[in-house]
């Protein structure tokens, strides 16, 4: 699979910003992807080597509780990637998005 389709987008929140201080970065990844593929995609896209990858399956939230139409957002996976000391990823830059298109 293409590396850009494995790593869908980085998750940028307060919690992930605190994890970035510990060299841990959080990405939304495609369903059906394993840790090895996430590690290879990270090296291909960002050029950094991961020491550890943890994957968590997230359940989609229920929607439309106020209306009579009920639905559910899709289930997704997130990967918490730990990098070697001294390496970092700039997930806040917009240049990366322009190059990927």
Protein backbone atom coordinates (compact mmCIF):
# COMPACT_ATOMS: atom_id res chain seq x y z
CA UNK A 1 0.00 0.00 0.00
CA UNK A 2 1.15 3.57 -0.63
CA UNK A 3 2.72 5.20 2.43
CA UNK A 4 0.50 8.29 2.20
CA UNK A 5 -2.61 6.12 2.36
CA UNK A 6 -1.37 4.30 5.46
CA UNK A 7 -0.71 7.46 7.49
CA UNK A 8 -3.94 9.40 6.96
CA UNK A 9 -3.18 12.41 9.16
CA UNK A 10 -1.44 13.35 12.40
CA UNK A 11 -3.74 13.88 15.39
CA UNK A 12 -3.02 17.32 16.89
CA UNK A 13 -4.57 17.87 20.33
CA UNK A 14 -3.40 18.97 23.76
CA UNK A 15 -2.75 15.37 24.76
CA UNK A 16 -0.71 14.63 21.64
CA UNK A 17 1.27 17.85 22.12
CA UNK A 18 2.24 16.63 25.60
CA UNK A 19 3.18 13.23 24.16
CA UNK A 20 5.38 14.94 21.55
CA UNK A 21 7.61 16.14 24.39
CA UNK A 22 8.28 12.46 25.15
CA UNK A 23 9.09 11.70 21.45
CA UNK A 24 5.67 10.09 20.91
CA UNK A 25 3.49 11.12 17.96
CA UNK A 26 -0.09 10.10 17.20
CA UNK A 27 -1.38 9.39 13.68
CA UNK A 28 -4.72 8.32 12.28
CA UNK A 29 -3.99 5.25 10.15
CA UNK A 30 -5.97 3.18 7.67
CA UNK A 31 -7.98 0.20 8.89
CA UNK A 32 -6.35 -3.18 8.26
CA UNK A 33 -2.82 -1.86 8.76
CA UNK A 34 -0.34 -3.47 11.17
CA UNK A 35 2.58 -2.07 13.17
CA UNK A 36 5.23 -3.08 10.64
CA UNK A 37 3.48 -1.24 7.80
CA UNK A 38 3.09 1.89 9.96
CA UNK A 39 6.82 1.79 10.76
CA UNK A 40 7.77 1.50 7.07
CA UNK A 41 5.35 4.26 6.04
CA UNK A 42 6.78 6.58 8.71
CA UNK A 43 10.29 6.05 7.35
CA UNK A 44 9.11 6.65 3.77
CA UNK A 45 7.10 9.82 4.47
CA UNK A 46 9.02 11.54 7.27
CA UNK A 47 12.46 9.89 7.06
CA UNK A 48 12.64 8.94 10.75
CA UNK A 49 12.98 5.53 12.38
CA UNK A 50 10.42 4.47 14.98
CA UNK A 51 11.50 2.44 18.00
CA UNK A 52 7.97 1.43 19.02
CA UNK A 53 4.48 1.49 17.48
CA UNK A 54 1.22 0.97 19.39
CA UNK A 55 -2.09 0.70 17.52
CA UNK A 56 -5.50 1.38 19.07
CA UNK A 57 -8.87 0.65 17.46
CA UNK A 58 -11.29 3.53 18.03
CA UNK A 59 -15.07 3.13 17.87
CA UNK A 60 -17.03 5.68 15.85
CA UNK A 61 -19.35 7.96 17.79
CA UNK A 62 -23.12 7.77 17.46
CA UNK A 63 -24.63 10.81 15.75
CA UNK A 64 -28.03 12.38 15.28
CA UNK A 65 -29.40 11.92 18.78
CA UNK A 66 -31.46 15.13 18.59
CA UNK A 67 -33.08 14.22 15.28
CA UNK A 68 -34.98 11.12 14.30
CA UNK A 69 -32.19 10.07 11.95
CA UNK A 70 -29.56 8.05 13.76
CA UNK A 71 -26.16 7.18 12.45
CA UNK A 72 -22.61 6.38 13.43
CA UNK A 73 -19.24 7.71 12.40
CA UNK A 74 -16.85 5.14 10.98
CA UNK A 75 -14.49 3.16 13.20
CA UNK A 76 -10.83 4.15 12.85
CA UNK A 77 -7.36 3.29 14.08
CA UNK A 78 -4.75 5.46 15.70
CA UNK A 79 -1.07 4.70 16.03
CA UNK A 80 1.16 6.05 18.80
CA UNK A 81 4.70 6.10 17.41
CA UNK A 82 7.78 6.43 19.63
CA UNK A 83 10.92 7.85 17.99
CA UNK A 84 14.58 7.61 18.95
CA UNK A 85 16.00 10.35 21.17
CA UNK A 86 17.00 13.38 19.11
CA UNK A 87 14.58 12.68 16.24
CA UNK A 88 11.36 14.62 15.78
CA UNK A 89 8.53 15.18 13.32
CA UNK A 90 7.12 18.61 12.52
CA UNK A 91 3.39 17.77 12.43
CA UNK A 92 2.40 21.45 12.60
CA UNK A 93 3.92 22.49 9.26
CA UNK A 94 1.76 23.06 6.19
CA UNK A 95 4.58 22.46 3.68
CA UNK A 96 4.27 18.71 4.20
CA UNK A 97 0.65 18.77 3.05
CA UNK A 98 1.53 20.71 -0.10
CA UNK A 99 4.27 18.23 -1.05
CA UNK A 100 2.04 15.21 -0.48
CA UNK A 101 -0.55 16.43 -2.99
